[in-house]
């Protein structure tokens, strides 16, 4: 059994969710964690999880790229939904300095709003006794300000364990996540791509009890399906590559990542 710990199954790109579930299970993936990111998809995630409780568990949050579009009323609605539904975690939230600020926003103000929302999400996770799924992305070649800012906020909430999803950082950053935040990292199809040796090196090195696998569907479809619409089932290709990098069997990777996901997201599947 494998668990896809990060996907986005509300998207209208999937015409038949029953087919997605069947194809995923045929590939050995029995469960997935779907991530809400904006007022436009929160209800869809909850509806899907209610319809497929044996396949999907939901998370809700505001993605950092959407913080300028969310008003106080919508934020209060998200709080209400999170407090009255069973969630796997708070997510996907975080910081994203890769994209330029939206029109009419200064970069510094835009980043400050992202930081404010991230602190709010951590406080919510602490209130609900949940962990948190984090997105961090800096501009290529422009340092690690995004990671450092998210890390600083996370340190103020020691009761909340973060998973840095789609991890493409350094071994040093991963070590800090483990030792200072009691956090996790998860790997996507990126580790199956060519010219990703630094990410593959971290995947080969990371301690067994700190790693999970994900697809980030419908994005980042792994080789040999790169460029295609991704589905949770293809986390099996990520697991196979992870096993190859670490010199262990795919069955071993399935066992440890599933156990880690069950603990982190507090699921009983």
C-alpha atoms as a PDB file:
ATOM      1  CA  UNK A   1       0.000   0.000   0.000  1.00  0.00           C
ATOM      2  CA  UNK A   2       1.071   3.551  -0.759  1.00  0.00           C
ATOM      3  CA  UNK A   3      -0.362   6.885   0.352  1.00  0.00           C
ATOM      4  CA  UNK A   4      -0.126   9.977  -1.845  1.00  0.00           C
ATOM      5  CA  UNK A   5       0.369  12.621   0.833  1.00  0.00           C
ATOM      6  CA  UNK A   6      -0.221  15.699  -1.331  1.00  0.00           C
ATOM      7  CA  UNK A   7      -2.526  16.139  -4.309  1.00  0.00           C
ATOM      8  CA  UNK A   8      -5.269  18.477  -5.546  1.00  0.00           C
ATOM      9  CA  UNK A   9      -8.309  16.427  -6.482  1.00  0.00           C
ATOM     10  CA  UNK A  10     -10.858  19.220  -6.655  1.00  0.00           C
ATOM     11  CA  UNK A  11      -9.614  20.235 -10.075  1.00  0.00           C
ATOM     12  CA  UNK A  12     -12.019  20.084 -13.006  1.00  0.00           C
ATOM     13  CA  UNK A  13      -9.271  18.393 -14.996  1.00  0.00           C
ATOM     14  CA  UNK A  14     -10.485  15.038 -13.682  1.00  0.00           C
ATOM     15  CA  UNK A  15     -13.633  14.036 -15.514  1.00  0.00           C
ATOM     16  CA  UNK A  16     -14.241  10.792 -13.608  1.00  0.00           C
ATOM     17  CA  UNK A  17     -13.043  10.441 -10.005  1.00  0.00           C
ATOM     18  CA  UNK A  18     -14.181   6.819  -9.855  1.00  0.00           C
ATOM     19  CA  UNK A  19     -11.778   6.112 -12.701  1.00  0.00           C
ATOM     20  CA  UNK A  20      -8.993   8.016 -10.932  1.00  0.00           C
ATOM     21  CA  UNK A  21      -9.543   5.898  -7.830  1.00  0.00           C
ATOM     22  CA  UNK A  22      -9.601   2.653  -9.827  1.00  0.00           C
ATOM     23  CA  UNK A  23      -6.448   3.534 -11.792  1.00  0.00           C
ATOM     24  CA  UNK A  24      -4.648   4.635  -8.634  1.00  0.00           C
ATOM     25  CA  UNK A  25      -5.484   1.453  -6.774  1.00  0.00           C
ATOM     26  CA  UNK A  26      -4.371  -0.608  -9.751  1.00  0.00           C
ATOM     27  CA  UNK A  27      -0.966   1.064  -9.287  1.00  0.00           C
ATOM     28  CA  UNK A  28      -0.912   0.207  -5.577  1.00  0.00           C
ATOM     29  CA  UNK A  29      -2.030   3.555  -4.164  1.00  0.00           C
ATOM     30  CA  UNK A  30      -4.967   3.094  -1.820  1.00  0.00           C
ATOM     31  CA  UNK A  31      -5.285   6.498  -0.192  1.00  0.00           C
ATOM     32  CA  UNK A  32      -4.453  10.156  -0.734  1.00  0.00           C
ATOM     33  CA  UNK A  33      -4.435  13.497   1.051  1.00  0.00           C
ATOM     34  CA  UNK A  34      -6.060  16.232  -1.026  1.00  0.00           C
ATOM     35  CA  UNK A  35      -5.154  19.856  -0.385  1.00  0.00           C
ATOM     36  CA  UNK A  36      -7.567  22.772  -0.495  1.00  0.00           C
ATOM     37  CA  UNK A  37      -5.995  26.104  -1.414  1.00  0.00           C
ATOM     38  CA  UNK A  38      -8.678  28.760  -1.932  1.00  0.00           C
ATOM     39  CA  UNK A  39     -12.345  29.643  -1.287  1.00  0.00           C
ATOM     40  CA  UNK A  40     -13.131  28.324  -4.760  1.00  0.00           C
ATOM     41  CA  UNK A  41     -12.173  24.739  -3.900  1.00  0.00           C
ATOM     42  CA  UNK A  42     -12.671  24.199  -0.146  1.00  0.00           C
ATOM     43  CA  UNK A  43     -16.210  22.844  -0.515  1.00  0.00           C
ATOM     44  CA  UNK A  44     -15.180  20.606  -3.406  1.00  0.00           C
ATOM     45  CA  UNK A  45     -12.481  18.938  -1.307  1.00  0.00           C
ATOM     46  CA  UNK A  46     -14.853  18.326   1.569  1.00  0.00           C
ATOM     47  CA  UNK A  47     -17.527  16.962  -0.764  1.00  0.00           C
ATOM     48  CA  UNK A  48     -15.066  14.577  -2.416  1.00  0.00           C
ATOM     49  CA  UNK A  49     -13.747  13.321   0.934  1.00  0.00           C
ATOM     50  CA  UNK A  50     -17.296  12.722   2.144  1.00  0.00           C
ATOM     51  CA  UNK A  51     -18.097  10.768  -1.021  1.00  0.00           C
ATOM     52  CA  UNK A  52     -14.853   8.706  -0.940  1.00  0.00           C
ATOM     53  CA  UNK A  53     -13.795   8.373   2.714  1.00  0.00           C
ATOM     54  CA  UNK A  54     -11.949   5.140   1.908  1.00  0.00           C
ATOM     55  CA  UNK A  55      -9.755   6.959  -0.625  1.00  0.00           C
ATOM     56  CA  UNK A  56      -9.480  10.660   0.274  1.00  0.00           C
ATOM     57  CA  UNK A  57      -8.823  12.768   3.377  1.00  0.00           C
ATOM     58  CA  UNK A  58      -8.973  16.571   3.066  1.00  0.00           C
ATOM     59  CA  UNK A  59      -6.826  19.492   4.147  1.00  0.00           C
ATOM     60  CA  UNK A  60      -7.878  23.133   3.878  1.00  0.00           C
ATOM     61  CA  UNK A  61      -5.887  26.367   3.754  1.00  0.00           C
ATOM     62  CA  UNK A  62      -5.072  29.421   1.675  1.00  0.00           C
ATOM     63  CA  UNK A  63      -2.214  28.947  -0.754  1.00  0.00           C
ATOM     64  CA  UNK A  64       0.360  31.773  -0.518  1.00  0.00           C
ATOM     65  CA  UNK A  65      -0.337  32.763  -4.118  1.00  0.00           C
ATOM     66  CA  UNK A  66      -3.988  33.368  -3.198  1.00  0.00           C
ATOM     67  CA  UNK A  67      -3.577  35.544  -0.099  1.00  0.00           C
ATOM     68  CA  UNK A  68      -4.363  38.788  -1.913  1.00  0.00           C
ATOM     69  CA  UNK A  69      -7.695  37.362  -3.101  1.00  0.00           C
ATOM     70  CA  UNK A  70      -9.004  36.246   0.302  1.00  0.00           C
ATOM     71  CA  UNK A  71     -10.970  38.719   2.404  1.00  0.00           C
ATOM     72  CA  UNK A  72     -11.838  38.576   6.097  1.00  0.00           C
ATOM     73  CA  UNK A  73     -15.241  37.018   5.480  1.00  0.00           C
ATOM     74  CA  UNK A  74     -13.726  34.202   3.431  1.00  0.00           C
ATOM     75  CA  UNK A  75     -11.050  33.620   6.053  1.00  0.00           C
ATOM     76  CA  UNK A  76     -13.741  33.309   8.715  1.00  0.00           C
ATOM     77  CA  UNK A  77     -15.586  30.826   6.513  1.00  0.00           C
ATOM     78  CA  UNK A  78     -12.450  28.715   6.246  1.00  0.00           C
ATOM     79  CA  UNK A  79     -12.079  28.745  10.015  1.00  0.00           C
ATOM     80  CA  UNK A  80     -15.663  27.557  10.348  1.00  0.00           C
ATOM     81  CA  UNK A  81     -15.137  24.733   7.864  1.00  0.00           C
ATOM     82  CA  UNK A  82     -11.922  23.621   9.540  1.00  0.00           C
ATOM     83  CA  UNK A  83     -13.555  23.593  12.964  1.00  0.00           C
ATOM     84  CA  UNK A  84     -16.585  21.553  11.931  1.00  0.00           C
ATOM     85  CA  UNK A  85     -15.005  18.982   9.589  1.00  0.00           C
ATOM     86  CA  UNK A  86     -12.462  16.245  10.154  1.00  0.00           C
ATOM     87  CA  UNK A  87      -9.203  17.205   8.446  1.00  0.00           C
ATOM     88  CA  UNK A  88      -5.940  15.369   7.901  1.00  0.00           C
ATOM     89  CA  UNK A  89      -3.927  18.583   8.369  1.00  0.00           C
ATOM     90  CA  UNK A  90      -3.973  22.297   7.665  1.00  0.00           C
ATOM     91  CA  UNK A  91      -2.745  22.822   4.126  1.00  0.00           C
ATOM     92  CA  UNK A  92      -1.594  23.725   1.614  1.00  0.00           C
ATOM     93  CA  UNK A  93      -0.180  26.935   3.008  1.00  0.00           C
ATOM     94  CA  UNK A  94       3.263  28.515   3.105  1.00  0.00           C
ATOM     95  CA  UNK A  95       5.310  31.184   1.383  1.00  0.00           C
ATOM     96  CA  UNK A  96       6.055  31.691  -2.296  1.00  0.00           C
ATOM     97  CA  UNK A  97       8.610  34.284  -3.388  1.00  0.00           C
ATOM     98  CA  UNK A  98       9.058  32.742  -6.843  1.00  0.00           C
ATOM     99  CA  UNK A  99       6.286  34.730  -8.510  1.00  0.00           C
ATOM    100  CA  UNK A 100       6.233  38.504  -8.714  1.00  0.00           C
ATOM    101  CA  UNK A 101       3.723  40.407  -6.602  1.00  0.00           C
ATOM    102  CA  UNK A 102       0.265  40.848  -8.171  1.00  0.00           C
ATOM    103  CA  UNK A 103      -0.494  44.113  -9.919  1.00  0.00           C
ATOM    104  CA  UNK A 104      -0.986  46.892  -7.410  1.00  0.00           C
ATOM    105  CA  UNK A 105       1.022  45.167  -4.664  1.00  0.00           C
ATOM    106  CA  UNK A 106       4.556  46.015  -3.602  1.00  0.00           C
ATOM    107  CA  UNK A 107       6.734  42.960  -3.171  1.00  0.00           C
ATOM    108  CA  UNK A 108       7.497  43.655   0.487  1.00  0.00           C
ATOM    109  CA  UNK A 109       3.811  44.112   1.331  1.00  0.00           C
ATOM    110  CA  UNK A 110       2.884  40.970  -0.631  1.00  0.00           C
ATOM    111  CA  UNK A 111       5.438  38.890   1.228  1.00  0.00           C
ATOM    112  CA  UNK A 112       4.328  40.349   4.566  1.00  0.00           C
ATOM    113  CA  UNK A 113       0.720  39.324   3.818  1.00  0.00           C
ATOM    114  CA  UNK A 114       1.862  35.792   3.031  1.00  0.00           C
ATOM    115  CA  UNK A 115       3.747  35.684   6.321  1.00  0.00           C
ATOM    116  CA  UNK A 116       0.701  36.926   8.229  1.00  0.00           C
ATOM    117  CA  UNK A 117      -1.468  34.228   6.672  1.00  0.00           C
ATOM    118  CA  UNK A 118       1.110  31.559   7.424  1.00  0.00           C
ATOM    119  CA  UNK A 119       1.153  32.545  11.096  1.00  0.00           C
ATOM    120  CA  UNK A 120      -2.639  32.374  11.117  1.00  0.00           C
ATOM    121  CA  UNK A 121      -2.525  28.866   9.662  1.00  0.00           C
ATOM    122  CA  UNK A 122      -0.035  27.703  12.267  1.00  0.00           C
ATOM    123  CA  UNK A 123      -2.231  29.123  15.029  1.00  0.00           C
ATOM    124  CA  UNK A 124      -5.232  27.298  13.554  1.00  0.00           C
ATOM    125  CA  UNK A 125      -3.316  24.021  13.346  1.00  0.00           C
ATOM    126  CA  UNK A 126      -2.258  24.437  16.976  1.00  0.00           C
ATOM    127  CA  UNK A 127      -5.866  25.114  17.998  1.00  0.00           C
ATOM    128  CA  UNK A 128      -7.130  22.018  16.167  1.00  0.00           C
ATOM    129  CA  UNK A 129      -4.279  19.728  17.194  1.00  0.00           C
ATOM    130  CA  UNK A 130      -3.262  19.175  13.567  1.00  0.00           C
ATOM    131  CA  UNK A 131      -0.016  19.243  11.635  1.00  0.00           C
ATOM    132  CA  UNK A 132       0.601  21.476   8.629  1.00  0.00           C
ATOM    133  CA  UNK A 133       1.531  21.048   4.955  1.00  0.00           C
ATOM    134  CA  UNK A 134       3.962  23.744   3.789  1.00  0.00           C
ATOM    135  CA  UNK A 135       4.819  25.169   0.391  1.00  0.00           C
ATOM    136  CA  UNK A 136       8.050  27.161   0.095  1.00  0.00           C
ATOM    137  CA  UNK A 137       9.509  28.384  -3.184  1.00  0.00           C
ATOM    138  CA  UNK A 138      12.214  30.946  -3.828  1.00  0.00           C
ATOM    139  CA  UNK A 139      13.296  32.466  -7.119  1.00  0.00           C
ATOM    140  CA  UNK A 140      15.968  30.312  -8.742  1.00  0.00           C
ATOM    141  CA  UNK A 141      19.399  31.583  -7.843  1.00  0.00           C
ATOM    142  CA  UNK A 142      18.025  34.233  -5.461  1.00  0.00           C
ATOM    143  CA  UNK A 143      18.848  32.610  -2.126  1.00  0.00           C
ATOM    144  CA  UNK A 144      16.579  31.000   0.450  1.00  0.00           C
ATOM    145  CA  UNK A 145      14.639  33.897   1.999  1.00  0.00           C
ATOM    146  CA  UNK A 146      11.329  32.097   1.565  1.00  0.00           C
ATOM    147  CA  UNK A 147      12.555  29.000   3.392  1.00  0.00           C
ATOM    148  CA  UNK A 148      14.138  31.044   6.167  1.00  0.00           C
ATOM    149  CA  UNK A 149      11.002  33.130   6.719  1.00  0.00           C
ATOM    150  CA  UNK A 150       8.764  30.048   6.838  1.00  0.00           C
ATOM    151  CA  UNK A 151      11.218  28.313   9.144  1.00  0.00           C
ATOM    152  CA  UNK A 152      11.235  31.278  11.541  1.00  0.00           C
ATOM    153  CA  UNK A 153       7.434  31.267  11.749  1.00  0.00           C
ATOM    154  CA  UNK A 154       7.314  27.504  12.270  1.00  0.00           C
ATOM    155  CA  UNK A 155       9.680  27.746  15.235  1.00  0.00           C
ATOM    156  CA  UNK A 156       7.058  29.758  17.130  1.00  0.00           C
ATOM    157  CA  UNK A 157       4.646  26.789  17.035  1.00  0.00           C
ATOM    158  CA  UNK A 158       6.514  23.786  18.474  1.00  0.00           C
ATOM    159  CA  UNK A 159       3.307  21.758  18.912  1.00  0.00           C
ATOM    160  CA  UNK A 160       2.667  21.794  15.147  1.00  0.00           C
ATOM    161  CA  UNK A 161       4.790  19.485  12.996  1.00  0.00           C
ATOM    162  CA  UNK A 162       5.328  20.727   9.420  1.00  0.00           C
ATOM    163  CA  UNK A 163       5.896  18.716   6.286  1.00  0.00           C
ATOM    164  CA  UNK A 164       7.806  20.669   3.627  1.00  0.00           C
ATOM    165  CA  UNK A 165       6.042  19.277   0.601  1.00  0.00           C
ATOM    166  CA  UNK A 166       7.694  18.829  -2.807  1.00  0.00           C
ATOM    167  CA  UNK A 167      11.047  19.170  -1.082  1.00  0.00           C
ATOM    168  CA  UNK A 168      13.818  20.427  -3.366  1.00  0.00           C
ATOM    169  CA  UNK A 169      16.017  22.012  -0.705  1.00  0.00           C
ATOM    170  CA  UNK A 170      19.455  21.114   0.573  1.00  0.00           C
ATOM    171  CA  UNK A 171      20.554  18.477   3.020  1.00  0.00           C
ATOM    172  CA  UNK A 172      21.412  21.232   5.486  1.00  0.00           C
ATOM    173  CA  UNK A 173      17.869  22.594   5.272  1.00  0.00           C
ATOM    174  CA  UNK A 174      16.426  19.117   5.722  1.00  0.00           C
ATOM    175  CA  UNK A 175      18.597  18.530   8.788  1.00  0.00           C
ATOM    176  CA  UNK A 176      17.275  21.762  10.315  1.00  0.00           C
ATOM    177  CA  UNK A 177      13.678  20.736   9.579  1.00  0.00           C
ATOM    178  CA  UNK A 178      14.245  17.444  11.378  1.00  0.00           C
ATOM    179  CA  UNK A 179      16.269  18.651  14.351  1.00  0.00           C
ATOM    180  CA  UNK A 180      14.687  22.039  15.065  1.00  0.00           C
ATOM    181  CA  UNK A 181      11.061  21.591  13.934  1.00  0.00           C
ATOM    182  CA  UNK A 182      10.556  17.826  14.333  1.00  0.00           C
ATOM    183  CA  UNK A 183       9.348  18.119  10.754  1.00  0.00           C
ATOM    184  CA  UNK A 184       9.074  15.939   7.671  1.00  0.00           C
ATOM    185  CA  UNK A 185       9.855  16.260   3.970  1.00  0.00           C
ATOM    186  CA  UNK A 186       8.077  14.678   1.024  1.00  0.00           C
ATOM    187  CA  UNK A 187       9.236  13.915  -2.491  1.00  0.00           C
ATOM    188  CA  UNK A 188       7.416  14.258  -5.813  1.00  0.00           C
ATOM    189  CA  UNK A 189       8.038  13.099  -9.364  1.00  0.00           C
ATOM    190  CA  UNK A 190      10.828  15.679  -9.559  1.00  0.00           C
ATOM    191  CA  UNK A 191      13.242  13.026  -8.231  1.00  0.00           C
ATOM    192  CA  UNK A 192      12.519  10.961 -11.359  1.00  0.00           C
ATOM    193  CA  UNK A 193      13.514  13.794 -13.700  1.00  0.00           C
ATOM    194  CA  UNK A 194      16.890  14.229 -15.355  1.00  0.00           C
ATOM    195  CA  UNK A 195      19.353  16.736 -13.912  1.00  0.00           C
ATOM    196  CA  UNK A 196      17.884  16.600 -10.385  1.00  0.00           C
ATOM    197  CA  UNK A 197      20.912  14.996  -8.753  1.00  0.00           C
ATOM    198  CA  UNK A 198      20.922  17.376  -5.734  1.00  0.00           C
ATOM    199  CA  UNK A 199      17.327  16.450  -4.901  1.00  0.00           C
ATOM    200  CA  UNK A 200      18.058  12.786  -5.492  1.00  0.00           C
ATOM    201  CA  UNK A 201      21.012  12.978  -3.101  1.00  0.00           C
ATOM    202  CA  UNK A 202      18.779  14.306  -0.317  1.00  0.00           C
ATOM    203  CA  UNK A 203      16.219  11.578  -1.063  1.00  0.00           C
ATOM    204  CA  UNK A 204      18.945   8.943  -0.788  1.00  0.00           C
ATOM    205  CA  UNK A 205      20.239  10.342   2.503  1.00  0.00           C
ATOM    206  CA  UNK A 206      17.170  11.375   4.537  1.00  0.00           C
ATOM    207  CA  UNK A 207      16.293   9.288   7.625  1.00  0.00           C
ATOM    208  CA  UNK A 208      13.531   6.736   7.098  1.00  0.00           C
ATOM    209  CA  UNK A 209      11.220   8.199   9.704  1.00  0.00           C
ATOM    210  CA  UNK A 210      11.253  11.659   8.088  1.00  0.00           C
ATOM    211  CA  UNK A 211      10.190  10.994   4.505  1.00  0.00           C
ATOM    212  CA  UNK A 212       6.920  10.696   2.616  1.00  0.00           C
ATOM    213  CA  UNK A 213       5.925  10.523  -1.051  1.00  0.00           C
ATOM    214  CA  UNK A 214       3.433  12.564  -3.051  1.00  0.00           C
ATOM    215  CA  UNK A 215       2.354  13.436  -6.576  1.00  0.00           C
ATOM    216  CA  UNK A 216       1.139  17.052  -6.288  1.00  0.00           C
ATOM    217  CA  UNK A 217      -1.453  15.918  -8.845  1.00  0.00           C
ATOM    218  CA  UNK A 218      -2.525  17.086 -11.336  1.00  0.00           C
ATOM    219  CA  UNK A 219       1.005  18.496 -11.634  1.00  0.00           C
ATOM    220  CA  UNK A 220       4.533  17.029 -11.751  1.00  0.00           C
ATOM    221  CA  UNK A 221       3.728  13.683 -13.315  1.00  0.00           C
ATOM    222  CA  UNK A 222       6.814  11.470 -12.890  1.00  0.00           C
ATOM    223  CA  UNK A 223       8.824   9.743 -15.567  1.00  0.00           C
ATOM    224  CA  UNK A 224       7.839   7.956 -17.756  1.00  0.00           C
ATOM    225  CA  UNK A 225       4.666  10.078 -17.769  1.00  0.00           C
ATOM    226  CA  UNK A 226       6.228  13.504 -17.478  1.00  0.00           C
ATOM    227  CA  UNK A 227       4.023  16.210 -19.000  1.00  0.00           C
ATOM    228  CA  UNK A 228       0.819  14.188 -18.663  1.00  0.00           C
ATOM    229  CA  UNK A 229      -2.083  14.812 -16.302  1.00  0.00           C
ATOM    230  CA  UNK A 230      -0.949  13.318 -13.010  1.00  0.00           C
ATOM    231  CA  UNK A 231      -3.012  11.060 -10.715  1.00  0.00           C
ATOM    232  CA  UNK A 232      -2.361   9.799  -7.171  1.00  0.00           C
ATOM    233  CA  UNK A 233      -1.519   6.332  -8.459  1.00  0.00           C
ATOM    234  CA  UNK A 234       1.678   7.604  -9.992  1.00  0.00           C
ATOM    235  CA  UNK A 235       3.172   8.120  -6.558  1.00  0.00           C
ATOM    236  CA  UNK A 236       4.199   4.503  -7.131  1.00  0.00           C
ATOM    237  CA  UNK A 237       6.806   5.744  -9.637  1.00  0.00           C
ATOM    238  CA  UNK A 238       8.126   8.189  -7.042  1.00  0.00           C
ATOM    239  CA  UNK A 239       8.382   5.357  -4.518  1.00  0.00           C
ATOM    240  CA  UNK A 240      10.191   3.141  -7.017  1.00  0.00           C
ATOM    241  CA  UNK A 241      12.750   5.850  -7.727  1.00  0.00           C
ATOM    242  CA  UNK A 242      13.181   6.496  -4.008  1.00  0.00           C
ATOM    243  CA  UNK A 243      13.813   2.790  -3.455  1.00  0.00           C
ATOM    244  CA  UNK A 244      16.403   2.762  -6.244  1.00  0.00           C
ATOM    245  CA  UNK A 245      18.197   5.799  -4.813  1.00  0.00           C
ATOM    246  CA  UNK A 246      18.284   4.282  -1.331  1.00  0.00           C
ATOM    247  CA  UNK A 247      19.178   0.736  -2.397  1.00  0.00           C
ATOM    248  CA  UNK A 248      16.103  -0.884  -0.846  1.00  0.00           C
ATOM    249  CA  UNK A 249      12.997  -2.594  -2.165  1.00  0.00           C
ATOM    250  CA  UNK A 250       9.886  -0.700  -3.301  1.00  0.00           C
ATOM    251  CA  UNK A 251       7.968  -2.711  -0.706  1.00  0.00           C
ATOM    252  CA  UNK A 252      10.203  -1.298   2.020  1.00  0.00           C
ATOM    253  CA  UNK A 253       9.634   2.264   0.824  1.00  0.00           C
ATOM    254  CA  UNK A 254       5.884   1.629   0.704  1.00  0.00           C
ATOM    255  CA  UNK A 255       5.930   0.335   4.280  1.00  0.00           C
ATOM    256  CA  UNK A 256       7.936   3.179   5.807  1.00  0.00           C
ATOM    257  CA  UNK A 257       6.294   6.040   3.921  1.00  0.00           C
ATOM    258  CA  UNK A 258       2.821   4.689   4.641  1.00  0.00           C
ATOM    259  CA  UNK A 259       3.631   4.365   8.335  1.00  0.00           C
ATOM    260  CA  UNK A 260       5.005   7.914   8.362  1.00  0.00           C
ATOM    261  CA  UNK A 261       1.912   9.262   6.593  1.00  0.00           C
ATOM    262  CA  UNK A 262      -0.436   7.501   8.984  1.00  0.00           C
ATOM    263  CA  UNK A 263       1.337   9.037  11.972  1.00  0.00           C
ATOM    264  CA  UNK A 264       1.695  12.521  10.536  1.00  0.00           C
ATOM    265  CA  UNK A 265      -1.841  12.864   9.181  1.00  0.00           C
ATOM    266  CA  UNK A 266      -3.392  10.726  11.954  1.00  0.00           C
ATOM    267  CA  UNK A 267      -5.258   8.481   9.568  1.00  0.00           C
ATOM    268  CA  UNK A 268      -6.307   4.905  10.262  1.00  0.00           C
ATOM    269  CA  UNK A 269      -6.385   3.446   6.740  1.00  0.00           C
END
